Amino acid sequence: MPSSRTTPTVRPSAHLGAWLRRHDLAAFESVAGRHWPGAEPLLPRLSRSANHGLLWFGAAAGMAALGSSPRARRAALRGVASLALASAAINTVGKGAVRRQRPGLDAVPVIRRLKRQPFTTSFPSGHAASAAAFATGVALESKGWGAVVAPVAAAVAASRVYTGVHYPSDVLAGAMLGAGAAFALRGVVPTRGQLPAPGRPPAGAPALEEGQGLVVVVNRESGSATAAASLVRDALPLAEVVECDPADLRGKLEEAAGRGLALGVCGGDGTINGAAAVATAHKVPLAVFPGGTLNHFAYDLGIETVQDSVAALTSGSAVRVDLGRFRPGPDGPEGPDGCFVNAFSLGVYPELVRTREHWAPRIGGWPAGVLAAFEALRGKSPLEAELQGRRRRLWLVFAGNGTFQRVGPMPGRRHNLADGLLDVRVVHGGRTPGLRLLAAAIAGPLTRSPVHAAVRRSRIRLSGLVPGTPYAYDGEVAHSGTELMIDKLPEALTVYCPMTL
């Protein structure tokens, strides 16, 4: 008589899971039983140094300090942000989803073991996730720095198996999650290379091989201008390089524009502002060599290094850009109109600039900027002015030369420096200026609220100002009369720059 008993059905997934666990354990034991020359004094220490991300935070600080271009600072920032996202995902979801016990240490030589064993679950590896996230984030912004960081990240991931605290599959899964976090962040905050090339009309400019016919004026007190000037001399041996103090800058620029085929300038945005006005008046092309603490205008044109400008000069690659204008200028109604290449503002920002410039020589640029921001947001009385025919109390009036596009939650670079528009942002008076300014920053362009407004205009008019009201333009501070008119000079300036980023 046939038996009524049936054989239990074994699902294919169970066979696959058992096969994976068996091979995972075999790989772990193979690593534990093998001698790795030179690894014993290195990998356990490297593994400990990556605890809580300390190794990567230190690497990011080193990149930001040693990097000679903003690309290095962007890479460091993206690496840290990717690490933070990966850590949050691992600690809130990953560790609780698969509660896998740590490997047994019997097969691992004592000399390899960590002094303090981790107490969390094994899957996935948080160290591997952090390492992969940081390295991938760095590489997405800078392939050069990514190549430097990647071997260290790989060694940290390998150290987790070597020291016996993870199975190989834990490390592999962690690395995949970390890299995925970096790419997910890129989907929200694009890298520089993902952004579209700026809209900018091409212009005719002479190709100056080895800098022949170029006169470069260097503001020796501007950031890293002196070091940048040395690079200019090496790359353009036929160029004339003139170093001067800020007091002599305007005169030297006028002289240089009068005797060269092109005017070069090495310094920050304030120095470039003066050179732009002179180049426009003399109708000569401008070559910008970034050498200041802030170089927004150069970066928005795709010029991040001296080599970028050198390449544009030797090929004759140039574009036309708008120049912002305000009247009366800093010399009063009888003087020339003022100009700006980046932005013009009244209210909180001029106070911030003034405080920053006061403290920067004593404590450095970035600490001075933080102190200035704190002082500016302590709640001083807003200014009062008639803006576009209506009397208002205002914390900030900002007019950008071209529309500032968003990169993530904050305003970023300008894609088009010849759009004929001012990016106007107004923060209305009231309590809590800090919160109002923060709300204006994250709201972005073309928004309106009771707290702030952002619009695009070809010109704006401010009247009813208290004489002596401070205003800022490209990092410089001056004082107004009772009225200001702010508009644009479309495509007034020709600048050498690479045609593609």
Protein backbone atom coordinates (compact mmCIF):
# COMPACT_ATOMS: atom_id res chain seq x y z
CA MET A 1 0.00 0.00 0.00
CA PRO A 2 1.55 3.37 -1.03
CA SER A 3 2.70 5.65 1.78
CA SER A 4 0.72 8.84 2.40
CA ARG A 5 3.83 10.70 3.57
CA THR A 6 5.23 13.37 1.22
CA THR A 7 8.79 14.64 0.86
CA PRO A 8 9.19 18.29 2.01
CA THR A 9 9.79 20.69 -0.88
CA VAL A 10 13.07 22.60 -0.61
CA ARG A 11 12.90 26.01 -2.26
CA PRO A 12 15.68 26.93 -4.73
CA SER A 13 16.34 30.10 -2.72
CA ALA A 14 17.24 28.00 0.30
CA HIS A 15 19.78 26.07 -1.75
CA LEU A 16 21.19 29.36 -3.06
CA GLY A 17 21.37 30.84 0.44
CA ALA A 18 23.18 27.79 1.78
CA TRP A 19 25.59 27.86 -1.17
CA LEU A 20 26.37 31.55 -0.57
CA ARG A 21 26.91 31.05 3.18
CA ARG A 22 29.18 28.09 2.53
CA HIS A 23 31.34 29.97 0.04
CA ASP A 24 31.30 33.12 2.16
CA LEU A 25 32.64 31.15 5.13
CA ALA A 26 35.22 29.42 2.93
CA ALA A 27 36.47 32.78 1.64
CA PHE A 28 36.66 34.15 5.20
CA GLU A 29 38.65 31.14 6.42
CA SER A 30 40.95 31.36 3.39
CA VAL A 31 41.78 34.97 4.23
CA ALA A 32 42.26 34.08 7.92
CA GLY A 33 44.58 31.16 7.16
CA ARG A 34 46.75 32.90 4.60
CA HIS A 35 49.83 34.98 5.29
CA TRP A 36 49.67 38.50 3.80
CA PRO A 37 53.16 40.07 3.70
CA GLY A 38 53.23 43.59 5.14
CA ALA A 39 49.57 43.56 6.15
CA GLU A 40 49.92 42.81 9.86
CA PRO A 41 51.32 46.21 10.94
CA LEU A 42 49.11 48.16 8.51
CA LEU A 43 45.58 46.84 8.07
CA PRO A 44 44.49 46.63 11.74
CA ARG A 45 45.65 50.21 12.32
CA LEU A 46 43.98 51.38 9.14
CA SER A 47 40.77 49.67 10.18
CA ARG A 48 40.81 51.41 13.57
CA SER A 49 41.59 54.80 12.01
CA ALA A 50 38.37 54.59 9.99
CA ASN A 51 36.20 54.27 13.11
CA HIS A 52 33.40 56.88 13.09
CA GLY A 53 34.69 58.18 9.73
CA LEU A 54 37.69 59.91 11.32
CA LEU A 55 40.06 58.80 8.55
CA TRP A 56 37.78 60.27 5.88
CA PHE A 57 37.14 63.51 7.69
CA GLY A 58 40.88 63.95 8.00
CA ALA A 59 41.34 63.13 4.31
CA ALA A 60 38.68 65.68 3.37
CA ALA A 61 40.37 68.36 5.48
CA GLY A 62 43.71 67.58 3.86
CA MET A 63 42.23 67.74 0.36
CA ALA A 64 40.59 71.09 1.07
CA ALA A 65 43.81 72.50 2.53
CA LEU A 66 46.26 71.10 -0.01
CA GLY A 67 44.10 71.27 -3.14
CA SER A 68 45.05 74.13 -5.44
CA SER A 69 41.63 74.42 -7.08
CA PRO A 70 37.97 74.54 -6.03
CA ARG A 71 37.58 71.10 -7.62
CA ALA A 72 39.50 69.61 -4.69
CA ARG A 73 37.27 71.38 -2.17
CA ARG A 74 34.14 70.26 -4.00
CA ALA A 75 35.45 66.70 -4.07
CA ALA A 76 36.14 66.78 -0.32
CA LEU A 77 32.69 68.17 0.44
CA ARG A 78 30.93 65.65 -1.79
CA GLY A 79 32.93 62.80 -0.27
CA VAL A 80 31.88 63.77 3.26
CA ALA A 81 28.25 64.28 2.23
CA SER A 82 28.18 60.87 0.53
CA LEU A 83 29.70 59.28 3.63
CA ALA A 84 27.05 60.89 5.84
CA LEU A 85 24.24 59.60 3.63
CA ALA A 86 25.70 56.09 3.53
CA SER A 87 26.19 56.00 7.32
CA ALA A 88 22.63 57.14 7.92
CA ALA A 89 21.28 54.41 5.61
CA ILE A 90 23.44 51.67 7.14
CA ASN A 91 22.70 52.57 10.76
CA THR A 92 18.97 53.18 10.39
CA VAL A 93 18.02 50.45 7.91
CA GLY A 94 20.88 48.17 6.93
CA LYS A 95 21.96 46.85 10.32
CA GLY A 96 18.40 46.11 11.41
CA ALA A 97 17.28 44.44 8.18
CA VAL A 98 19.68 41.48 8.36
CA ARG A 99 20.70 40.61 11.91
CA ARG A 100 23.75 38.53 11.11
CA GLN A 101 26.20 37.55 13.82
CA ARG A 102 29.88 38.43 13.53
CA PRO A 103 32.29 35.69 12.36
CA GLY A 104 34.01 33.52 14.92
CA LEU A 105 37.61 34.54 15.62
CA ASP A 106 39.12 31.09 16.20
CA ALA A 107 40.73 30.99 12.76
CA VAL A 108 42.01 34.59 12.90
CA PRO A 109 45.56 35.06 14.26
CA VAL A 110 45.59 37.06 17.48
CA ILE A 111 47.96 39.68 16.06
CA ARG A 112 45.34 40.65 13.47
CA ARG A 113 42.40 41.03 15.82
CA LEU A 114 41.13 44.44 16.86
CA LYS A 115 41.62 45.38 20.51
CA ARG A 116 37.95 46.34 20.75
CA GLN A 117 35.55 44.11 18.93
CA PRO A 118 32.45 45.72 17.41
CA PHE A 119 29.17 44.81 19.08
CA THR A 120 26.75 45.62 16.25
CA THR A 121 25.47 43.10 13.73
CA SER A 122 27.73 42.06 10.89
CA PHE A 123 25.75 42.76 7.72
CA PRO A 124 26.49 45.06 5.96
CA SER A 125 29.90 46.52 6.77
CA GLY A 126 29.59 50.15 7.83
CA HIS A 127 33.33 50.74 7.35
CA ALA A 128 33.17 49.44 3.78
CA ALA A 129 30.10 51.55 3.08
CA SER A 130 31.75 54.72 4.39
CA ALA A 131 34.97 54.03 2.49
CA ALA A 132 33.17 53.36 -0.79
CA ALA A 133 30.84 56.34 -0.34
CA PHE A 134 33.70 58.75 0.35
CA ALA A 135 35.89 57.45 -2.49
CA THR A 136 33.02 57.42 -4.99
CA GLY A 137 31.86 60.90 -4.00
CA VAL A 138 35.39 62.26 -4.38
CA ALA A 139 35.86 60.56 -7.76
CA LEU A 140 32.57 61.96 -9.09
CA GLU A 141 33.96 65.49 -8.65
CA SER A 142 37.67 64.85 -9.27
CA LYS A 143 39.10 61.79 -10.99
CA GLY A 144 42.60 62.72 -9.83
CA TRP A 145 41.72 62.85 -6.15
CA GLY A 146 39.52 59.79 -6.61
CA ALA A 147 42.55 57.83 -7.83
CA VAL A 148 44.43 58.88 -4.68
CA VAL A 149 41.62 57.94 -2.29
CA ALA A 150 40.44 54.69 -3.95
CA PRO A 151 43.39 52.46 -2.85
CA VAL A 152 42.98 53.62 0.74
CA ALA A 153 39.25 52.92 0.63
CA ALA A 154 39.88 49.46 -0.82
CA ALA A 155 42.43 48.74 1.93
CA VAL A 156 39.95 49.79 4.65
CA ALA A 157 37.30 47.49 3.18
CA ALA A 158 39.77 44.58 2.96
CA SER A 159 40.90 45.20 6.54
CA ARG A 160 37.46 44.32 7.86
CA VAL A 161 37.80 40.75 6.58
CA TYR A 162 41.51 40.58 7.45
CA THR A 163 40.84 41.50 11.10
CA GLY A 164 37.99 38.98 11.34
CA VAL A 165 35.10 41.36 12.05
CA HIS A 166 33.21 40.81 8.77
CA TYR A 167 32.51 38.17 6.19
CA PRO A 168 33.46 39.06 2.59
CA SER A 169 29.78 39.40 1.64
CA ASP A 170 29.32 41.98 4.41
CA VAL A 171 32.10 44.08 2.90
CA LEU A 172 30.87 43.65 -0.66
CA ALA A 173 27.31 44.67 0.28
CA GLY A 174 28.56 47.64 2.30
CA ALA A 175 30.72 48.86 -0.58
CA MET A 176 27.81 48.60 -3.00
CA LEU A 177 25.54 50.53 -0.64
CA GLY A 178 28.21 53.20 -0.12
CA ALA A 179 28.76 53.71 -3.84
CA GLY A 180 25.00 53.77 -4.33
CA ALA A 181 24.68 56.52 -1.72
CA ALA A 182 27.22 58.65 -3.59
CA PHE A 183 25.31 58.24 -6.86
CA ALA A 184 22.01 58.95 -5.12
CA LEU A 185 23.42 62.18 -3.77
CA ARG A 186 24.57 63.11 -7.26
CA GLY A 187 20.98 62.69 -8.42
CA VAL A 188 19.89 65.36 -5.93
CA VAL A 189 22.95 67.64 -6.05
CA PRO A 190 24.59 67.42 -9.50
CA THR A 191 28.34 67.46 -9.87
CA ARG A 192 30.00 70.29 -11.73
CA GLY A 193 30.46 68.09 -14.79
CA GLN A 194 26.73 67.28 -14.94
CA LEU A 195 25.67 70.90 -15.19
CA PRO A 196 25.03 72.26 -18.68
CA ALA A 197 27.70 74.44 -20.24
CA PRO A 198 27.06 78.12 -19.57
CA GLY A 199 25.29 80.06 -22.28
CA ARG A 200 27.76 82.64 -23.53
CA PRO A 201 28.08 84.23 -27.00
CA PRO A 202 31.50 83.57 -28.58
CA ALA A 203 33.67 86.61 -29.23
CA GLY A 204 36.63 87.35 -31.45
CA ALA A 205 39.92 87.72 -29.57
CA PRO A 206 43.55 87.38 -30.66
CA ALA A 207 45.36 84.12 -29.94
CA LEU A 208 48.40 85.10 -27.87
CA GLU A 209 50.99 82.32 -28.14
CA GLU A 210 53.18 82.26 -25.02
CA GLY A 211 51.39 85.45 -23.89
CA GLN A 212 52.88 87.78 -26.51
CA GLY A 213 50.98 91.08 -26.37
CA LEU A 214 49.44 90.34 -22.95
CA VAL A 215 50.01 92.60 -19.94
CA VAL A 216 48.99 91.01 -16.63
CA VAL A 217 48.39 93.16 -13.54
CA VAL A 218 48.69 91.30 -10.22
CA ASN A 219 47.23 92.51 -6.94
CA ARG A 220 49.95 91.21 -4.63
CA GLU A 221 47.69 91.47 -1.55
CA SER A 222 44.89 89.38 -3.04
CA GLY A 223 44.69 85.80 -1.74
CA SER A 224 47.11 83.54 -3.61
CA ALA A 225 47.73 86.02 -6.44
CA THR A 226 51.50 86.08 -6.02
CA ALA A 227 51.74 82.29 -6.35
CA ALA A 228 49.37 82.39 -9.34
CA ALA A 229 51.53 85.09 -10.94
CA SER A 230 54.52 82.76 -10.78
CA LEU A 231 52.51 80.14 -12.69
CA VAL A 232 51.57 82.79 -15.27
CA ARG A 233 55.23 83.69 -15.82
CA ASP A 234 56.17 80.05 -16.34
CA ALA A 235 53.28 79.30 -18.72
CA LEU A 236 53.38 82.60 -20.67
CA PRO A 237 57.04 83.67 -20.86
CA LEU A 238 56.36 86.48 -23.35
CA ALA A 239 53.67 88.14 -21.23
CA GLU A 240 54.47 91.24 -19.20
CA VAL A 241 53.57 90.73 -15.54
CA VAL A 242 53.17 93.80 -13.31
CA GLU A 243 52.73 93.36 -9.54
CA CYS A 244 51.29 96.25 -7.55
CA ASP A 245 49.62 97.22 -4.29
CA PRO A 246 45.84 97.84 -4.16
CA ALA A 247 46.36 101.62 -4.03
CA ASP A 248 48.12 101.55 -7.42
CA LEU A 249 45.83 98.98 -9.03
CA ARG A 250 43.58 101.29 -11.06
CA GLY A 251 46.50 103.23 -12.54
CA LYS A 252 48.41 100.06 -13.45
CA LEU A 253 45.33 98.59 -15.11
CA GLU A 254 44.83 101.74 -17.20
CA GLU A 255 48.48 101.68 -18.31
CA ALA A 256 48.37 97.97 -19.15
CA ALA A 257 45.14 98.25 -21.17
CA GLY A 258 46.64 101.11 -23.19
CA ARG A 259 49.73 99.24 -24.38
CA GLY A 260 48.71 95.58 -24.72
CA LEU A 261 46.59 93.54 -27.14
CA ALA A 262 44.79 92.13 -24.09
CA LEU A 263 44.57 92.93 -20.40
CA GLY A 264 45.28 90.23 -17.86
CA VAL A 265 44.41 90.36 -14.19
CA CYS A 266 45.37 88.12 -11.29
CA GLY A 267 43.42 88.45 -8.06
CA GLY A 268 40.00 87.99 -6.52
CA ASP A 269 36.60 89.32 -7.51
CA GLY A 270 37.29 92.86 -6.30
CA THR A 271 40.46 93.04 -8.40
CA ILE A 272 38.67 91.53 -11.41
CA ASN A 273 35.92 94.14 -11.00
CA GLY A 274 38.39 96.97 -11.60
CA ALA A 275 39.98 95.17 -14.54
CA ALA A 276 36.58 94.52 -16.14
CA ALA A 277 35.70 98.22 -16.03
CA VAL A 278 39.05 99.19 -17.59
CA ALA A 279 38.92 96.47 -20.26
CA THR A 280 35.40 97.53 -21.22
CA ALA A 281 36.38 101.19 -21.47
CA HIS A 282 39.46 100.40 -23.60
CA LYS A 283 37.62 97.74 -25.65
CA VAL A 284 40.30 95.09 -25.09
CA PRO A 285 39.69 91.44 -24.13
CA LEU A 286 40.26 90.42 -20.52
CA ALA A 287 42.22 87.37 -19.35
CA VAL A 288 41.33 86.33 -15.80
CA PHE A 289 43.77 84.34 -13.65
CA PRO A 290 42.02 83.33 -10.39
CA GLY A 291 44.20 84.24 -7.44
CA GLY A 292 41.89 85.55 -4.72
CA THR A 293 40.05 84.15 -1.75
CA LEU A 294 36.81 84.24 -3.76
CA ASN A 295 36.77 83.78 -7.54
CA HIS A 296 33.07 83.43 -8.39
CA PHE A 297 33.25 85.21 -11.75
CA ALA A 298 36.13 83.07 -13.01
CA TYR A 299 34.56 79.82 -11.80
CA ASP A 300 31.23 80.61 -13.45
CA LEU A 301 33.11 80.98 -16.72
CA GLY A 302 34.74 77.58 -16.26
CA ILE A 303 38.11 79.06 -15.25
CA GLU A 304 39.31 77.23 -12.16
CA THR A 305 43.07 77.32 -12.65
CA VAL A 306 45.74 79.42 -14.32
CA GLN A 307 46.08 76.64 -16.90
CA ASP A 308 42.45 77.14 -17.98
CA SER A 309 43.14 80.76 -18.90
CA VAL A 310 46.45 79.89 -20.54
CA ALA A 311 44.70 77.36 -22.80
CA ALA A 312 42.05 79.91 -23.76
CA LEU A 313 44.67 82.57 -24.52
CA THR A 314 46.78 80.37 -26.75
CA SER A 315 43.73 79.23 -28.74
CA GLY A 316 41.99 82.64 -28.85
CA SER A 317 38.87 81.23 -27.18
CA ALA A 318 36.74 84.08 -25.76
CA VAL A 319 33.13 84.99 -24.99
CA ARG A 320 31.07 88.11 -24.41
CA VAL A 321 29.47 88.63 -20.98
CA ASP A 322 27.21 91.22 -19.39
CA LEU A 323 28.50 93.81 -16.98
CA GLY A 324 26.33 95.00 -14.11
CA ARG A 325 26.17 98.76 -13.59
CA PHE A 326 25.05 101.05 -10.76
CA ARG A 327 24.64 104.82 -10.81
CA PRO A 328 25.91 106.94 -9.13
CA GLY A 329 29.16 105.02 -8.83
CA PRO A 330 31.40 104.80 -5.75
CA ASP A 331 32.98 108.18 -6.60
CA GLY A 332 29.63 109.98 -6.43
CA PRO A 333 27.40 111.67 -9.04
CA GLU A 334 30.35 113.37 -10.75
CA GLY A 335 32.42 110.17 -11.04
CA PRO A 336 32.13 107.26 -13.45
CA ASP A 337 29.39 104.66 -13.13
CA GLY A 338 30.15 101.70 -10.91
CA CYS A 339 30.17 98.17 -12.30
CA PHE A 340 29.95 94.63 -10.94
CA VAL A 341 30.71 91.24 -12.44
CA ASN A 342 28.98 89.19 -9.72
CA ALA A 343 26.54 91.02 -7.49
CA PHE A 344 25.45 94.30 -5.92
CA SER A 345 23.74 94.41 -2.52
CA LEU A 346 22.51 96.60 0.31
CA GLY A 347 21.50 95.70 3.85
CA VAL A 348 23.02 92.83 5.81
CA TYR A 349 25.65 91.81 3.27
CA PRO A 350 27.67 95.07 3.19
CA GLU A 351 27.94 94.85 6.97
CA LEU A 352 29.13 91.27 6.63
CA VAL A 353 31.80 92.29 4.08
CA ARG A 354 33.02 95.15 6.25
CA THR A 355 33.36 92.94 9.33
CA ARG A 356 35.06 90.17 7.32
CA GLU A 357 37.62 92.57 5.86
CA HIS A 358 38.33 93.94 9.34
CA TRP A 359 39.06 90.54 10.88
CA ALA A 360 40.54 88.63 7.92
CA PRO A 361 44.14 89.94 8.34
CA ARG A 362 44.07 88.85 12.00
CA ILE A 363 42.34 85.46 12.00
CA GLY A 364 42.18 84.40 8.33
CA GLY A 365 39.54 84.61 5.61
CA TRP A 366 37.17 81.76 6.44
CA PRO A 367 37.07 82.30 10.25
CA ALA A 368 36.51 86.01 9.58
CA GLY A 369 33.62 85.13 7.27
CA VAL A 370 31.95 83.02 9.96
CA LEU A 371 32.40 85.76 12.56
CA ALA A 372 31.08 88.38 10.14
CA ALA A 373 27.97 86.30 9.37
CA PHE A 374 27.25 85.90 13.09
CA GLU A 375 27.63 89.62 13.70
CA ALA A 376 25.52 90.57 10.68
CA LEU A 377 22.61 88.39 11.80
CA ARG A 378 22.40 89.62 15.39
CA GLY A 379 19.38 91.72 14.55
CA LYS A 380 20.38 95.25 13.61
CA SER A 381 17.66 97.54 12.30
CA PRO A 382 16.75 97.01 8.62
CA LEU A 383 17.30 99.81 6.15
CA GLU A 384 14.39 101.78 4.71
CA ALA A 385 14.17 102.64 1.03
CA GLU A 386 11.78 103.14 -1.84
CA LEU A 387 12.18 100.11 -4.11
CA GLN A 388 10.48 100.28 -7.50
CA GLY A 389 8.28 103.14 -6.26
CA ARG A 390 7.20 101.56 -2.94
CA ARG A 391 8.56 102.39 0.53
CA ARG A 392 9.84 99.29 2.31
CA ARG A 393 11.81 98.07 5.33
CA LEU A 394 14.48 95.69 4.05
CA TRP A 395 17.10 93.34 5.46
CA LEU A 396 18.68 92.66 2.09
CA VAL A 397 18.53 93.78 -1.52
CA PHE A 398 20.61 91.56 -3.81
CA ALA A 399 21.07 92.06 -7.57
CA GLY A 400 23.10 89.36 -9.33
CA ASN A 401 24.73 89.86 -12.71
CA GLY A 402 22.84 87.02 -14.42
CA THR A 403 20.57 84.39 -12.90
CA PHE A 404 22.07 82.19 -10.22
CA GLN A 405 20.93 78.60 -10.72
CA ARG A 406 20.23 76.19 -7.90
CA VAL A 407 22.67 73.41 -7.06
CA GLY A 408 20.78 71.39 -4.46
CA PRO A 409 19.11 73.57 -1.83
CA MET A 410 21.28 76.67 -2.30
CA PRO A 411 21.87 79.16 -5.14
CA GLY A 412 24.92 78.11 -7.11
CA ARG A 413 26.66 79.10 -10.31
CA ARG A 414 25.38 81.11 -13.24
CA HIS A 415 24.82 79.19 -16.47
CA ASN A 416 24.45 82.29 -18.61
CA LEU A 417 26.48 85.43 -18.05
CA ALA A 418 24.93 87.18 -21.05
CA ASP A 419 21.19 86.83 -20.35
CA GLY A 420 20.59 90.59 -19.94
CA LEU A 421 18.93 90.03 -16.56
CA LEU A 422 19.50 90.91 -12.91
CA ASP A 423 18.73 88.17 -10.38
CA VAL A 424 16.94 90.32 -7.77
CA ARG A 425 16.32 88.94 -4.29
CA VAL A 426 14.72 90.99 -1.54
CA VAL A 427 14.36 90.05 2.14
CA HIS A 428 11.75 92.22 3.83
CA GLY A 429 12.24 93.77 7.27
CA GLY A 430 10.82 92.19 10.42
CA ARG A 431 11.99 90.01 13.26
CA THR A 432 14.51 87.14 13.04
CA PRO A 433 16.64 88.32 10.12
CA GLY A 434 18.67 85.12 10.20
CA LEU A 435 15.63 82.92 9.57
CA ARG A 436 14.38 85.26 6.88
CA LEU A 437 17.71 85.21 5.07
CA LEU A 438 17.90 81.42 5.34
CA ALA A 439 14.38 81.10 3.93
CA ALA A 440 15.33 83.37 1.03
CA ALA A 441 18.45 81.32 0.30
CA ILE A 442 16.72 77.94 0.10
CA ALA A 443 13.63 79.19 -1.73
CA GLY A 444 15.67 79.95 -4.84
CA PRO A 445 14.87 82.20 -7.79
CA LEU A 446 11.42 83.25 -8.96
CA THR A 447 9.63 82.79 -5.63
CA ARG A 448 7.45 85.13 -3.61
CA SER A 449 6.41 85.11 0.04
CA PRO A 450 5.62 87.64 2.80
CA VAL A 451 9.25 87.23 3.94
CA HIS A 452 11.12 87.59 0.68
CA ALA A 453 10.78 87.87 -3.09
CA ALA A 454 12.98 86.76 -5.98
CA VAL A 455 12.42 88.09 -9.48
CA ARG A 456 14.33 88.78 -12.69
CA ARG A 457 14.56 92.34 -13.92
CA SER A 458 16.65 94.31 -16.39
CA ARG A 459 16.90 97.21 -13.92
CA ILE A 460 15.84 98.29 -10.44
CA ARG A 461 15.65 101.70 -8.79
CA LEU A 462 16.24 102.50 -5.12
CA SER A 463 15.45 105.96 -3.74
CA GLY A 464 14.86 107.61 -0.39
CA LEU A 465 18.07 106.11 1.00
CA VAL A 466 19.75 107.67 3.99
CA PRO A 467 22.96 109.28 2.64
CA GLY A 468 25.94 107.15 3.58
CA THR A 469 24.04 103.84 3.45
CA PRO A 470 26.69 101.15 2.82
CA TYR A 471 26.46 98.92 -0.24
CA ALA A 472 28.67 96.13 -1.55
CA TYR A 473 29.71 95.20 -5.07
CA ASP A 474 32.01 92.24 -5.80
CA GLY A 475 33.31 92.25 -2.24
CA GLU A 476 34.02 96.00 -2.14
CA VAL A 477 32.10 98.40 0.11
CA ALA A 478 31.08 101.99 -0.67
CA HIS A 479 28.39 104.42 0.51
CA SER A 480 25.35 105.72 -1.31
CA GLY A 481 23.63 109.04 -1.79
CA THR A 482 19.84 109.16 -1.69
CA GLU A 483 19.26 107.20 -4.91
CA LEU A 484 20.69 104.26 -6.88
CA MET A 485 19.87 102.87 -10.32
CA ILE A 486 21.06 99.32 -11.04
CA ASP A 487 20.99 97.89 -14.56
CA LYS A 488 23.08 95.97 -17.12
CA LEU A 489 25.48 96.62 -19.98
CA PRO A 490 24.63 93.63 -22.23
CA GLU A 491 27.61 91.73 -23.66
CA ALA A 492 29.90 94.65 -22.86
CA LEU A 493 32.95 92.64 -21.81
CA THR A 494 35.02 90.11 -23.78
CA VAL A 495 36.75 87.48 -21.63
CA TYR A 496 39.12 84.66 -22.56
CA CYS A 497 37.78 81.35 -21.33
CA PRO A 498 37.56 77.69 -22.36
CA MET A 499 34.53 77.00 -24.53
CA THR A 500 33.73 73.74 -22.72
CA LEU A 501 34.05 72.86 -19.04
